[in-house]
Amino acid sequence: MSNSNRGTDLPQFINDLDGGVFAEKVSRALSDVAAGVVDFDDKGELTIKLKLARIGNSYRVGIKHALIYKVPEANGSYTQENTTESVMHVNAGGRMSMFPENQHQMFGKRGESLPHEDDKE
């Protein structure tokens, strides 16, 4: 498989959201829902929503990530919703990562600012 056809590394992506806090929230929510399902013999639910929007004219996206879950209880259930936002770089092939995969040279040997490839016409 060529390097440009790689998809986003999903485990790393999830761990990068909200500095790792999102993964911890999902882990805790999964455990709470599973415990409620077993303890009260009722159905639970967990939904992850991701909304992506480009940031300006950059190769970055803002990702709103929402975690919504329903935990069964003895006399009903409770629902929790938590939404936070993270920024990711979009690399070749649409791969998202916390940091860009390619950092362009910013300065020349004498410290002068170099133009970016996208700035050249």
PDB file of N, CA and C in Angstrom:
ATOM      1  N   MET A   1       0.847  -1.171   0.000  1.00  0.00           N
ATOM      2  CA  MET A   1       0.000   0.000   0.000  1.00  0.00           C
ATOM      3  C   MET A   1       0.894   1.236   0.000  1.00  0.00           C
ATOM      4  N   SER A   2       0.630   2.169  -0.887  1.00  0.00           N
ATOM      5  CA  SER A   2       1.475   3.353  -0.957  1.00  0.00           C
ATOM      6  C   SER A   2       1.180   4.295   0.197  1.00  0.00           C
ATOM      7  N   ASN A   3       2.146   5.119   0.493  1.00  0.00           N
ATOM      8  CA  ASN A   3       2.044   6.056   1.605  1.00  0.00           C
ATOM      9  C   ASN A   3       0.876   7.024   1.439  1.00  0.00           C
ATOM     10  N   SER A   4       0.578   7.458   0.196  1.00  0.00           N
ATOM     11  CA  SER A   4      -0.472   8.444  -0.022  1.00  0.00           C
ATOM     12  C   SER A   4      -1.869   7.844   0.084  1.00  0.00           C
ATOM     13  N   ASN A   5      -1.991   6.525   0.089  1.00  0.00           N
ATOM     14  CA  ASN A   5      -3.301   5.888   0.190  1.00  0.00           C
ATOM     15  C   ASN A   5      -3.659   5.476   1.613  1.00  0.00           C
ATOM     16  N   ARG A   6      -2.784   5.765   2.564  1.00  0.00           N
ATOM     17  CA  ARG A   6      -3.084   5.417   3.945  1.00  0.00           C
ATOM     18  C   ARG A   6      -4.247   6.280   4.447  1.00  0.00           C
ATOM     19  N   GLY A   7      -5.118   5.682   5.217  1.00  0.00           N
ATOM     20  CA  GLY A   7      -6.189   6.443   5.833  1.00  0.00           C
ATOM     21  C   GLY A   7      -5.738   7.013   7.169  1.00  0.00           C
ATOM     22  N   THR A   8      -6.608   7.744   7.792  1.00  0.00           N
ATOM     23  CA  THR A   8      -6.338   8.282   9.116  1.00  0.00           C
ATOM     24  C   THR A   8      -6.166   7.137  10.107  1.00  0.00           C
ATOM     25  N   ASP A   9      -5.170   7.219  10.945  1.00  0.00           N
ATOM     26  CA  ASP A   9      -4.913   6.215  11.981  1.00  0.00           C
ATOM     27  C   ASP A   9      -5.972   6.401  13.067  1.00  0.00           C
ATOM     28  N   LEU A  10      -7.019   5.584  13.022  1.00  0.00           N
ATOM     29  CA  LEU A  10      -8.174   5.779  13.903  1.00  0.00           C
ATOM     30  C   LEU A  10      -7.833   5.734  15.391  1.00  0.00           C
ATOM     31  N   PRO A  11      -7.103   4.723  15.878  1.00  0.00           N
ATOM     32  CA  PRO A  11      -6.785   4.740  17.315  1.00  0.00           C
ATOM     33  C   PRO A  11      -6.017   6.003  17.730  1.00  0.00           C
ATOM     34  N   GLN A  12      -5.062   6.416  16.905  1.00  0.00           N
ATOM     35  CA  GLN A  12      -4.294   7.622  17.233  1.00  0.00           C
ATOM     36  C   GLN A  12      -5.190   8.861  17.164  1.00  0.00           C
ATOM     37  N   PHE A  13      -6.065   8.914  16.163  1.00  0.00           N
ATOM     38  CA  PHE A  13      -6.999  10.026  16.001  1.00  0.00           C
ATOM     39  C   PHE A  13      -7.869  10.180  17.245  1.00  0.00           C
ATOM     40  N   ILE A  14      -8.475   9.084  17.694  1.00  0.00           N
ATOM     41  CA  ILE A  14      -9.344   9.122  18.876  1.00  0.00           C
ATOM     42  C   ILE A  14      -8.545   9.556  20.106  1.00  0.00           C
ATOM     43  N   ASN A  15      -7.322   9.046  20.244  1.00  0.00           N
ATOM     44  CA  ASN A  15      -6.489   9.413  21.386  1.00  0.00           C
ATOM     45  C   ASN A  15      -6.023  10.868  21.333  1.00  0.00           C
ATOM     46  N   ASP A  16      -5.948  11.457  20.133  1.00  0.00           N
ATOM     47  CA  ASP A  16      -5.531  12.854  20.003  1.00  0.00           C
ATOM     48  C   ASP A  16      -6.664  13.837  20.294  1.00  0.00           C
ATOM     49  N   LEU A  17      -7.918  13.414  20.136  1.00  0.00           N
ATOM     50  CA  LEU A  17      -9.035  14.326  20.364  1.00  0.00           C
ATOM     51  C   LEU A  17      -9.042  14.824  21.807  1.00  0.00           C
ATOM     52  N   ASP A  18      -9.123  16.108  21.950  1.00  0.00           N
ATOM     53  CA  ASP A  18      -9.175  16.760  23.262  1.00  0.00           C
ATOM     54  C   ASP A  18      -8.016  16.325  24.160  1.00  0.00           C
ATOM     55  N   GLY A  19      -6.844  16.126  23.539  1.00  0.00           N
ATOM     56  CA  GLY A  19      -5.647  15.774  24.301  1.00  0.00           C
ATOM     57  C   GLY A  19      -5.752  14.455  25.047  1.00  0.00           C
ATOM     58  N   GLY A  20      -6.525  13.508  24.515  1.00  0.00           N
ATOM     59  CA  GLY A  20      -6.668  12.201  25.147  1.00  0.00           C
ATOM     60  C   GLY A  20      -7.872  12.089  26.074  1.00  0.00           C
ATOM     61  N   VAL A  21      -8.459  13.215  26.409  1.00  0.00           N
ATOM     62  CA  VAL A  21      -9.594  13.209  27.334  1.00  0.00           C
ATOM     63  C   VAL A  21     -10.825  12.570  26.691  1.00  0.00           C
ATOM     64  N   PHE A  22     -11.022  12.783  25.378  1.00  0.00           N
ATOM     65  CA  PHE A  22     -12.178  12.212  24.704  1.00  0.00           C
ATOM     66  C   PHE A  22     -12.161  10.684  24.784  1.00  0.00           C
ATOM     67  N   ALA A  23     -11.001  10.077  24.556  1.00  0.00           N
ATOM     68  CA  ALA A  23     -10.885   8.611  24.637  1.00  0.00           C
ATOM     69  C   ALA A  23     -11.239   8.120  26.035  1.00  0.00           C
ATOM     70  N   GLU A  24     -10.805   8.847  27.058  1.00  0.00           N
ATOM     71  CA  GLU A  24     -11.142   8.468  28.435  1.00  0.00           C
ATOM     72  C   GLU A  24     -12.642   8.561  28.680  1.00  0.00           C
ATOM     73  N   LYS A  25     -13.284   9.602  28.126  1.00  0.00           N
ATOM     74  CA  LYS A  25     -14.736   9.760  28.279  1.00  0.00           C
ATOM     75  C   LYS A  25     -15.481   8.614  27.600  1.00  0.00           C
ATOM     76  N   VAL A  26     -15.047   8.239  26.396  1.00  0.00           N
ATOM     77  CA  VAL A  26     -15.687   7.134  25.677  1.00  0.00           C
ATOM     78  C   VAL A  26     -15.526   5.840  26.459  1.00  0.00           C
ATOM     79  N   SER A  27     -14.342   5.600  26.981  1.00  0.00           N
ATOM     80  CA  SER A  27     -14.082   4.397  27.763  1.00  0.00           C
ATOM     81  C   SER A  27     -15.006   4.315  28.973  1.00  0.00           C
ATOM     82  N   ARG A  28     -15.109   5.414  29.696  1.00  0.00           N
ATOM     83  CA  ARG A  28     -15.965   5.452  30.891  1.00  0.00           C
ATOM     84  C   ARG A  28     -17.431   5.271  30.519  1.00  0.00           C
ATOM     85  N   ALA A  29     -17.872   5.948  29.446  1.00  0.00           N
ATOM     86  CA  ALA A  29     -19.264   5.847  29.008  1.00  0.00           C
ATOM     87  C   ALA A  29     -19.604   4.415  28.578  1.00  0.00           C
ATOM     88  N   LEU A  30     -18.700   3.772  27.832  1.00  0.00           N
ATOM     89  CA  LEU A  30     -18.935   2.384  27.425  1.00  0.00           C
ATOM     90  C   LEU A  30     -19.112   1.476  28.632  1.00  0.00           C
ATOM     91  N   SER A  31     -18.282   1.670  29.640  1.00  0.00           N
ATOM     92  CA  SER A  31     -18.382   0.852  30.852  1.00  0.00           C
ATOM     93  C   SER A  31     -19.687   1.109  31.589  1.00  0.00           C
ATOM     94  N   ASP A  32     -20.083   2.383  31.701  1.00  0.00           N
ATOM     95  CA  ASP A  32     -21.334   2.725  32.388  1.00  0.00           C
ATOM     96  C   ASP A  32     -22.540   2.134  31.669  1.00  0.00           C
ATOM     97  N   VAL A  33     -22.569   2.260  30.337  1.00  0.00           N
ATOM     98  CA  VAL A  33     -23.691   1.733  29.554  1.00  0.00           C
ATOM     99  C   VAL A  33     -23.733   0.209  29.671  1.00  0.00           C
ATOM    100  N   ALA A  34     -22.588  -0.448  29.508  1.00  0.00           N
ATOM    101  CA  ALA A  34     -22.549  -1.915  29.597  1.00  0.00           C
ATOM    102  C   ALA A  34     -23.010  -2.400  30.971  1.00  0.00           C
ATOM    103  N   ALA A  35     -22.565  -1.729  32.032  1.00  0.00           N
ATOM    104  CA  ALA A  35     -22.975  -2.124  33.390  1.00  0.00           C
ATOM    105  C   ALA A  35     -24.484  -1.959  33.570  1.00  0.00           C
ATOM    106  N   GLY A  36     -25.035  -0.852  33.067  1.00  0.00           N
ATOM    107  CA  GLY A  36     -26.476  -0.629  33.169  1.00  0.00           C
ATOM    108  C   GLY A  36     -27.270  -1.657  32.388  1.00  0.00           C
ATOM    109  N   VAL A  37     -26.789  -2.019  31.213  1.00  0.00           N
ATOM    110  CA  VAL A  37     -27.467  -3.018  30.379  1.00  0.00           C
ATOM    111  C   VAL A  37     -27.517  -4.364  31.099  1.00  0.00           C
ATOM    112  N   VAL A  38     -26.406  -4.762  31.694  1.00  0.00           N
ATOM    113  CA  VAL A  38     -26.348  -6.055  32.388  1.00  0.00           C
ATOM    114  C   VAL A  38     -27.120  -5.999  33.708  1.00  0.00           C
ATOM    115  N   ASP A  39     -26.928  -4.946  34.496  1.00  0.00           N
ATOM    116  CA  ASP A  39     -27.559  -4.851  35.816  1.00  0.00           C
ATOM    117  C   ASP A  39     -29.079  -4.741  35.738  1.00  0.00           C
ATOM    118  N   PHE A  40     -29.598  -4.037  34.714  1.00  0.00           N
ATOM    119  CA  PHE A  40     -31.037  -3.762  34.669  1.00  0.00           C
ATOM    120  C   PHE A  40     -31.728  -4.401  33.471  1.00  0.00           C
ATOM    121  N   ASP A  41     -31.004  -5.271  32.742  1.00  0.00           N
ATOM    122  CA  ASP A  41     -31.567  -6.039  31.628  1.00  0.00           C
ATOM    123  C   ASP A  41     -32.381  -5.156  30.689  1.00  0.00           C
ATOM    124  N   ASP A  42     -31.799  -4.027  30.301  1.00  0.00           N
ATOM    125  CA  ASP A  42     -32.456  -3.100  29.392  1.00  0.00           C
ATOM    126  C   ASP A  42     -31.420  -2.618  28.387  1.00  0.00           C
ATOM    127  N   LYS A  43     -31.869  -1.979  27.318  1.00  0.00           N
ATOM    128  CA  LYS A  43     -30.959  -1.512  26.275  1.00  0.00           C
ATOM    129  C   LYS A  43     -30.354  -0.163  26.627  1.00  0.00           C
ATOM    130  N   GLY A  44     -29.088  -0.010  26.258  1.00  0.00           N
ATOM    131  CA  GLY A  44     -28.398   1.264  26.401  1.00  0.00           C
ATOM    132  C   GLY A  44     -27.944   1.727  25.030  1.00  0.00           C
ATOM    133  N   GLU A  45     -27.380   2.912  24.993  1.00  0.00           N
ATOM    134  CA  GLU A  45     -26.959   3.457  23.704  1.00  0.00           C
ATOM    135  C   GLU A  45     -25.785   4.404  23.901  1.00  0.00           C
ATOM    136  N   LEU A  46     -24.863   4.408  22.926  1.00  0.00           N
ATOM    137  CA  LEU A  46     -23.739   5.337  22.924  1.00  0.00           C
ATOM    138  C   LEU A  46     -23.541   5.820  21.491  1.00  0.00           C
ATOM    139  N   THR A  47     -23.518   7.128  21.307  1.00  0.00           N
ATOM    140  CA  THR A  47     -23.347   7.730  19.984  1.00  0.00           C
ATOM    141  C   THR A  47     -22.174   8.689  20.012  1.00  0.00           C
ATOM    142  N   ILE A  48     -21.333   8.602  18.989  1.00  0.00           N
ATOM    143  CA  ILE A  48     -20.233   9.553  18.812  1.00  0.00           C
ATOM    144  C   ILE A  48     -20.525  10.337  17.542  1.00  0.00           C
ATOM    145  N   LYS A  49     -20.561  11.671  17.666  1.00  0.00           N
ATOM    146  CA  LYS A  49     -20.790  12.538  16.514  1.00  0.00           C
ATOM    147  C   LYS A  49     -19.540  13.359  16.267  1.00  0.00           C
ATOM    148  N   LEU A  50     -19.122  13.427  15.002  1.00  0.00           N
ATOM    149  CA  LEU A  50     -17.980  14.245  14.616  1.00  0.00           C
ATOM    150  C   LEU A  50     -18.430  15.222  13.533  1.00  0.00           C
ATOM    151  N   LYS A  51     -18.206  16.519  13.753  1.00  0.00           N
ATOM    152  CA  LYS A  51     -18.508  17.546  12.752  1.00  0.00           C
ATOM    153  C   LYS A  51     -17.209  18.263  12.417  1.00  0.00           C
ATOM    154  N   LEU A  52     -16.850  18.256  11.135  1.00  0.00           N
ATOM    155  CA  LEU A  52     -15.590  18.848  10.687  1.00  0.00           C
ATOM    156  C   LEU A  52     -15.852  20.124   9.896  1.00  0.00           C
ATOM    157  N   ALA A  53     -15.019  21.141  10.133  1.00  0.00           N
ATOM    158  CA  ALA A  53     -15.100  22.401   9.392  1.00  0.00           C
ATOM    159  C   ALA A  53     -13.684  22.916   9.155  1.00  0.00           C
ATOM    160  N   ARG A  54     -13.434  23.374   7.951  1.00  0.00           N
ATOM    161  CA  ARG A  54     -12.116  23.902   7.607  1.00  0.00           C
ATOM    162  C   ARG A  54     -11.847  25.186   8.386  1.00  0.00           C
ATOM    163  N   ILE A  55     -10.607  25.359   8.796  1.00  0.00           N
ATOM    164  CA  ILE A  55     -10.197  26.557   9.515  1.00  0.00           C
ATOM    165  C   ILE A  55      -9.547  27.499   8.514  1.00  0.00           C
ATOM    166  N   GLY A  56     -10.244  28.574   8.193  1.00  0.00           N
ATOM    167  CA  GLY A  56      -9.723  29.564   7.253  1.00  0.00           C
ATOM    168  C   GLY A  56      -9.348  28.936   5.931  1.00  0.00           C
ATOM    169  N   ASN A  57      -8.171  29.314   5.422  1.00  0.00           N
ATOM    170  CA  ASN A  57      -7.670  28.795   4.160  1.00  0.00           C
ATOM    171  C   ASN A  57      -6.496  27.851   4.418  1.00  0.00           C
ATOM    172  N   SER A  58      -6.537  27.162   5.525  1.00  0.00           N
ATOM    173  CA  SER A  58      -5.421  26.319   5.954  1.00  0.00           C
ATOM    174  C   SER A  58      -5.673  24.855   5.629  1.00  0.00           C
ATOM    175  N   TYR A  59      -4.716  24.034   5.982  1.00  0.00           N
ATOM    176  CA  TYR A  59      -4.846  22.580   5.868  1.00  0.00           C
ATOM    177  C   TYR A  59      -5.186  21.994   7.233  1.00  0.00           C
ATOM    178  N   ARG A  60      -6.041  22.705   7.958  1.00  0.00           N
ATOM    179  CA  ARG A  60      -6.469  22.240   9.276  1.00  0.00           C
ATOM    180  C   ARG A  60      -7.988  22.249   9.330  1.00  0.00           C
ATOM    181  N   VAL A  61      -8.520  21.385  10.188  1.00  0.00           N
ATOM    182  CA  VAL A  61      -9.960  21.343  10.405  1.00  0.00           C
ATOM    183  C   VAL A  61     -10.253  21.404  11.905  1.00  0.00           C
ATOM    184  N   GLY A  62     -11.339  22.064  12.223  1.00  0.00           N
ATOM    185  CA  GLY A  62     -11.865  22.026  13.578  1.00  0.00           C
ATOM    186  C   GLY A  62     -12.836  20.866  13.648  1.00  0.00           C
ATOM    187  N   ILE A  63     -12.704  20.059  14.670  1.00  0.00           N
ATOM    188  CA  ILE A  63     -13.562  18.883  14.811  1.00  0.00           C
ATOM    189  C   ILE A  63     -14.342  19.015  16.114  1.00  0.00           C
ATOM    190  N   LYS A  64     -15.649  19.140  15.996  1.00  0.00           N
ATOM    191  CA  LYS A  64     -16.508  19.106  17.176  1.00  0.00           C
ATOM    192  C   LYS A  64     -16.855  17.643  17.396  1.00  0.00           C
ATOM    193  N   HIS A  65     -16.522  17.144  18.585  1.00  0.00           N
ATOM    194  CA  HIS A  65     -16.787  15.746  18.879  1.00  0.00           C
ATOM    195  C   HIS A  65     -17.747  15.675  20.052  1.00  0.00           C
ATOM    196  N   ALA A  66     -18.856  14.983  19.797  1.00  0.00           N
ATOM    197  CA  ALA A  66     -19.893  14.843  20.809  1.00  0.00           C
ATOM    198  C   ALA A  66     -20.034  13.380  21.208  1.00  0.00           C
ATOM    199  N   LEU A  67     -20.192  13.172  22.484  1.00  0.00           N
ATOM    200  CA  LEU A  67     -20.429  11.846  23.047  1.00  0.00           C
ATOM    201  C   LEU A  67     -21.786  11.900  23.742  1.00  0.00           C
ATOM    202  N   ILE A  68     -22.710  11.070  23.274  1.00  0.00           N
ATOM    203  CA  ILE A  68     -24.064  11.032  23.831  1.00  0.00           C
ATOM    204  C   ILE A  68     -24.351   9.583  24.219  1.00  0.00           C
ATOM    205  N   TYR A  69     -24.750   9.388  25.462  1.00  0.00           N
ATOM    206  CA  TYR A  69     -25.032   8.012  25.852  1.00  0.00           C
ATOM    207  C   TYR A  69     -26.208   7.950  26.828  1.00  0.00           C
ATOM    208  N   LYS A  70     -26.867   6.779  26.800  1.00  0.00           N
ATOM    209  CA  LYS A  70     -28.037   6.513  27.633  1.00  0.00           C
ATOM    210  C   LYS A  70     -27.754   5.263  28.453  1.00  0.00           C
ATOM    211  N   VAL A  71     -27.853   5.405  29.764  1.00  0.00           N
ATOM    212  CA  VAL A  71     -27.562   4.300  30.685  1.00  0.00           C
ATOM    213  C   VAL A  71     -28.861   3.851  31.364  1.00  0.00           C
ATOM    214  N   PRO A  72     -29.228   2.577  31.221  1.00  0.00           N
ATOM    215  CA  PRO A  72     -30.422   2.080  31.912  1.00  0.00           C
ATOM    216  C   PRO A  72     -30.209   2.073  33.430  1.00  0.00           C
ATOM    217  N   GLU A  73     -31.298   2.350  34.161  1.00  0.00           N
ATOM    218  CA  GLU A  73     -31.291   2.277  35.624  1.00  0.00           C
ATOM    219  C   GLU A  73     -32.529   1.514  36.078  1.00  0.00           C
ATOM    220  N   ALA A  74     -32.650   1.310  37.364  1.00  0.00           N
ATOM    221  CA  ALA A  74     -33.765   0.531  37.912  1.00  0.00           C
ATOM    222  C   ALA A  74     -35.125   1.137  37.554  1.00  0.00           C
ATOM    223  N   ASN A  75     -35.242   2.448  37.624  1.00  0.00           N
ATOM    224  CA  ASN A  75     -36.533   3.110  37.374  1.00  0.00           C
ATOM    225  C   ASN A  75     -36.457   4.044  36.168  1.00  0.00           C
ATOM    226  N   GLY A  76     -35.834   3.601  35.095  1.00  0.00           N
ATOM    227  CA  GLY A  76     -35.721   4.422  33.892  1.00  0.00           C
ATOM    228  C   GLY A  76     -34.304   4.415  33.351  1.00  0.00           C
ATOM    229  N   SER A  77     -33.818   5.595  33.033  1.00  0.00           N
ATOM    230  CA  SER A  77     -32.463   5.710  32.497  1.00  0.00           C
ATOM    231  C   SER A  77     -31.990   7.151  32.661  1.00  0.00           C
ATOM    232  N   TYR A  78     -30.707   7.369  32.426  1.00  0.00           N
ATOM    233  CA  TYR A  78     -30.215   8.743  32.368  1.00  0.00           C
ATOM    234  C   TYR A  78     -29.386   8.908  31.105  1.00  0.00           C
ATOM    235  N   THR A  79     -29.410  10.114  30.579  1.00  0.00           N
ATOM    236  CA  THR A  79     -28.700  10.437  29.348  1.00  0.00           C
ATOM    237  C   THR A  79     -27.683  11.515  29.640  1.00  0.00           C
ATOM    238  N   GLN A  80     -26.532  11.379  29.037  1.00  0.00           N
ATOM    239  CA  GLN A  80     -25.435  12.344  29.210  1.00  0.00           C
ATOM    240  C   GLN A  80     -24.979  12.767  27.825  1.00  0.00           C
ATOM    241  N   GLU A  81     -24.672  14.062  27.661  1.00  0.00           N
ATOM    242  CA  GLU A  81     -24.103  14.556  26.405  1.00  0.00           C
ATOM    243  C   GLU A  81     -22.931  15.469  26.726  1.00  0.00           C
ATOM    244  N   ASN A  82     -21.834  15.275  26.006  1.00  0.00           N
ATOM    245  CA  ASN A  82     -20.630  16.082  26.217  1.00  0.00           C
ATOM    246  C   ASN A  82     -20.039  16.413  24.856  1.00  0.00           C
ATOM    247  N   THR A  83     -19.829  17.706  24.574  1.00  0.00           N
ATOM    248  CA  THR A  83     -19.273  18.141  23.293  1.00  0.00           C
ATOM    249  C   THR A  83     -18.045  18.999  23.537  1.00  0.00           C
ATOM    250  N   THR A  84     -16.960  18.670  22.854  1.00  0.00           N
ATOM    251  CA  THR A  84     -15.729  19.450  22.911  1.00  0.00           C
ATOM    252  C   THR A  84     -15.208  19.609  21.486  1.00  0.00           C
ATOM    253  N   GLU A  85     -14.104  20.347  21.322  1.00  0.00           N
ATOM    254  CA  GLU A  85     -13.576  20.602  19.986  1.00  0.00           C
ATOM    255  C   GLU A  85     -12.062  20.462  19.970  1.00  0.00           C
ATOM    256  N   SER A  86     -11.543  19.950  18.855  1.00  0.00           N
ATOM    257  CA  SER A  86     -10.110  19.793  18.648  1.00  0.00           C
ATOM    258  C   SER A  86      -9.752  20.289  17.254  1.00  0.00           C
ATOM    259  N   VAL A  87      -8.467  20.533  17.039  1.00  0.00           N
ATOM    260  CA  VAL A  87      -7.961  20.944  15.731  1.00  0.00           C
ATOM    261  C   VAL A  87      -7.007  19.863  15.229  1.00  0.00           C
ATOM    262  N   MET A  88      -7.148  19.486  13.963  1.00  0.00           N
ATOM    263  CA  MET A  88      -6.280  18.487  13.348  1.00  0.00           C
ATOM    264  C   MET A  88      -5.749  19.014  12.025  1.00  0.00           C
ATOM    265  N   HIS A  89      -4.577  18.552  11.665  1.00  0.00           N
ATOM    266  CA  HIS A  89      -3.992  18.851  10.359  1.00  0.00           C
ATOM    267  C   HIS A  89      -4.494  17.820   9.366  1.00  0.00           C
ATOM    268  N   VAL A  90      -4.750  18.271   8.136  1.00  0.00           N
ATOM    269  CA  VAL A  90      -5.147  17.363   7.068  1.00  0.00           C
ATOM    270  C   VAL A  90      -3.940  17.203   6.158  1.00  0.00           C
ATOM    271  N   ASN A  91      -3.416  15.996   6.107  1.00  0.00           N
ATOM    272  CA  ASN A  91      -2.216  15.681   5.349  1.00  0.00           C
ATOM    273  C   ASN A  91      -2.589  15.065   4.002  1.00  0.00           C
ATOM    274  N   ALA A  92      -1.590  14.608   3.244  1.00  0.00           N
ATOM    275  CA  ALA A  92      -1.820  13.990   1.943  1.00  0.00           C
ATOM    276  C   ALA A  92      -2.848  12.875   2.046  1.00  0.00           C
ATOM    277  N   GLY A  93      -3.751  12.824   1.101  1.00  0.00           N
ATOM    278  CA  GLY A  93      -4.772  11.780   1.077  1.00  0.00           C
ATOM    279  C   GLY A  93      -5.875  11.995   2.089  1.00  0.00           C
ATOM    280  N   GLY A  94      -5.890  13.148   2.775  1.00  0.00           N
ATOM    281  CA  GLY A  94      -6.931  13.437   3.759  1.00  0.00           C
ATOM    282  C   GLY A  94      -6.647  12.886   5.146  1.00  0.00           C
ATOM    283  N   ARG A  95      -5.457  12.308   5.334  1.00  0.00           N
ATOM    284  CA  ARG A  95      -5.122  11.760   6.648  1.00  0.00           C
ATOM    285  C   ARG A  95      -5.071  12.879   7.671  1.00  0.00           C
ATOM    286  N   MET A  96      -5.774  12.683   8.769  1.00  0.00           N
ATOM    287  CA  MET A  96      -5.772  13.677   9.838  1.00  0.00           C
ATOM    288  C   MET A  96      -4.822  13.251  10.938  1.00  0.00           C
ATOM    289  N   SER A  97      -4.112  14.241  11.475  1.00  0.00           N
ATOM    290  CA  SER A  97      -3.214  14.000  12.600  1.00  0.00           C
ATOM    291  C   SER A  97      -3.057  15.295  13.381  1.00  0.00           C
ATOM    292  N   MET A  98      -2.596  15.163  14.610  1.00  0.00           N
ATOM    293  CA  MET A  98      -2.435  16.334  15.455  1.00  0.00           C
ATOM    294  C   MET A  98      -1.380  17.286  14.892  1.00  0.00           C
ATOM    295  N   PHE A  99      -0.326  16.714  14.299  1.00  0.00           N
ATOM    296  CA  PHE A  99       0.767  17.515  13.749  1.00  0.00           C
ATOM    297  C   PHE A  99       0.878  17.253  12.256  1.00  0.00           C
ATOM    298  N   PRO A 100       1.336  18.237  11.482  1.00  0.00           N
ATOM    299  CA  PRO A 100       1.508  17.991  10.042  1.00  0.00           C
ATOM    300  C   PRO A 100       2.590  16.942   9.812  1.00  0.00           C
ATOM    301  N   GLU A 101       2.395  16.115   8.791  1.00  0.00           N
ATOM    302  CA  GLU A 101       3.379  15.077   8.483  1.00  0.00           C
ATOM    303  C   GLU A 101       4.618  15.665   7.818  1.00  0.00           C
ATOM    304  N   ASN A 102       4.464  16.768   7.097  1.00  0.00           N
ATOM    305  CA  ASN A 102       5.582  17.401   6.407  1.00  0.00           C
ATOM    306  C   ASN A 102       5.690  18.854   6.850  1.00  0.00           C
ATOM    307  N   GLN A 103       6.792  19.183   7.444  1.00  0.00           N
ATOM    308  CA  GLN A 103       7.047  20.569   7.838  1.00  0.00           C
ATOM    309  C   GLN A 103       7.945  21.192   6.776  1.00  0.00           C
ATOM    310  N   HIS A 104       7.474  22.240   6.139  1.00  0.00           N
ATOM    311  CA  HIS A 104       8.245  22.895   5.094  1.00  0.00           C
ATOM    312  C   HIS A 104       9.343  23.760   5.713  1.00  0.00           C
ATOM    313  N   GLN A 105      10.399  23.955   4.955  1.00  0.00           N
ATOM    314  CA  GLN A 105      11.487  24.822   5.394  1.00  0.00           C
ATOM    315  C   GLN A 105      10.970  26.243   5.505  1.00  0.00           C
ATOM    316  N   MET A 106      11.155  26.867   6.659  1.00  0.00           N
ATOM    317  CA  MET A 106      10.636  28.214   6.877  1.00  0.00           C
ATOM    318  C   MET A 106      11.689  29.293   6.657  1.00  0.00           C
ATOM    319  N   PHE A 107      12.955  28.973   6.921  1.00  0.00           N
ATOM    320  CA  PHE A 107      14.012  29.967   6.854  1.00  0.00           C
ATOM    321  C   PHE A 107      15.181  29.450   6.032  1.00  0.00           C
ATOM    322  N   GLY A 108      15.854  30.381   5.349  1.00  0.00           N
ATOM    323  CA  GLY A 108      17.047  30.049   4.581  1.00  0.00           C
ATOM    324  C   GLY A 108      18.265  29.996   5.487  1.00  0.00           C
ATOM    325  N   LYS A 109      19.427  29.749   4.881  1.00  0.00           N
ATOM    326  CA  LYS A 109      20.672  29.623   5.646  1.00  0.00           C
ATOM    327  C   LYS A 109      21.049  30.902   6.373  1.00  0.00           C
ATOM    328  N   ARG A 110      20.622  32.035   5.853  1.00  0.00           N
ATOM    329  CA  ARG A 110      20.957  33.323   6.473  1.00  0.00           C
ATOM    330  C   ARG A 110      19.832  33.837   7.371  1.00  0.00           C
ATOM    331  N   GLY A 111      18.829  33.028   7.592  1.00  0.00           N
ATOM    332  CA  GLY A 111      17.727  33.422   8.467  1.00  0.00           C
ATOM    333  C   GLY A 111      16.595  34.135   7.759  1.00  0.00           C
ATOM    334  N   GLU A 112      16.711  34.279   6.419  1.00  0.00           N
ATOM    335  CA  GLU A 112      15.648  34.962   5.680  1.00  0.00           C
ATOM    336  C   GLU A 112      14.425  34.053   5.543  1.00  0.00           C
ATOM    337  N   SER A 113      13.262  34.662   5.507  1.00  0.00           N
ATOM    338  CA  SER A 113      12.015  33.921   5.372  1.00  0.00           C
ATOM    339  C   SER A 113      11.898  33.378   3.956  1.00  0.00           C
ATOM    340  N   LEU A 114      11.577  32.105   3.817  1.00  0.00           N
ATOM    341  CA  LEU A 114      11.410  31.486   2.501  1.00  0.00           C
ATOM    342  C   LEU A 114       9.933  31.416   2.136  1.00  0.00           C
ATOM    343  N   PRO A 115       9.613  31.633   0.845  1.00  0.00           N
ATOM    344  CA  PRO A 115       8.201  31.531   0.441  1.00  0.00           C
ATOM    345  C   PRO A 115       7.741  30.080   0.484  1.00  0.00           C
ATOM    346  N   HIS A 116       6.495  29.892   0.786  1.00  0.00           N
ATOM    347  CA  HIS A 116       5.890  28.557   0.812  1.00  0.00           C
ATOM    348  C   HIS A 116       5.579  28.147  -0.606  1.00  0.00           C
ATOM    349  N   GLU A 117       5.624  26.853  -0.910  1.00  0.00           N
ATOM    350  CA  GLU A 117       5.348  26.351  -2.259  1.00  0.00           C
ATOM    351  C   GLU A 117       4.006  26.825  -2.774  1.00  0.00           C
ATOM    352  N   ASP A 118       2.992  26.924  -1.908  1.00  0.00           N
ATOM    353  CA  ASP A 118       1.660  27.355  -2.326  1.00  0.00           C
ATOM    354  C   ASP A 118       1.642  28.835  -2.709  1.00  0.00           C
ATOM    355  N   ASP A 119       2.633  29.615  -2.227  1.00  0.00           N
ATOM    356  CA  ASP A 119       2.695  31.041  -2.526  1.00  0.00           C
ATOM    357  C   ASP A 119       3.295  31.321  -3.886  1.00  0.00           C
ATOM    358  N   LYS A 120       4.015  30.342  -4.449  1.00  0.00           N
ATOM    359  CA  LYS A 120       4.673  30.522  -5.753  1.00  0.00           C
ATOM    360  C   LYS A 120       3.662  30.369  -6.870  1.00  0.00           C
ATOM    361  N   GLU A 121       3.799  31.176  -7.898  1.00  0.00           N
ATOM    362  CA  GLU A 121       2.888  31.073  -9.043  1.00  0.00           C
ATOM    363  C   GLU A 121       3.650  30.982 -10.319  1.00  0.00           C
TER     364      GLU A 121
END
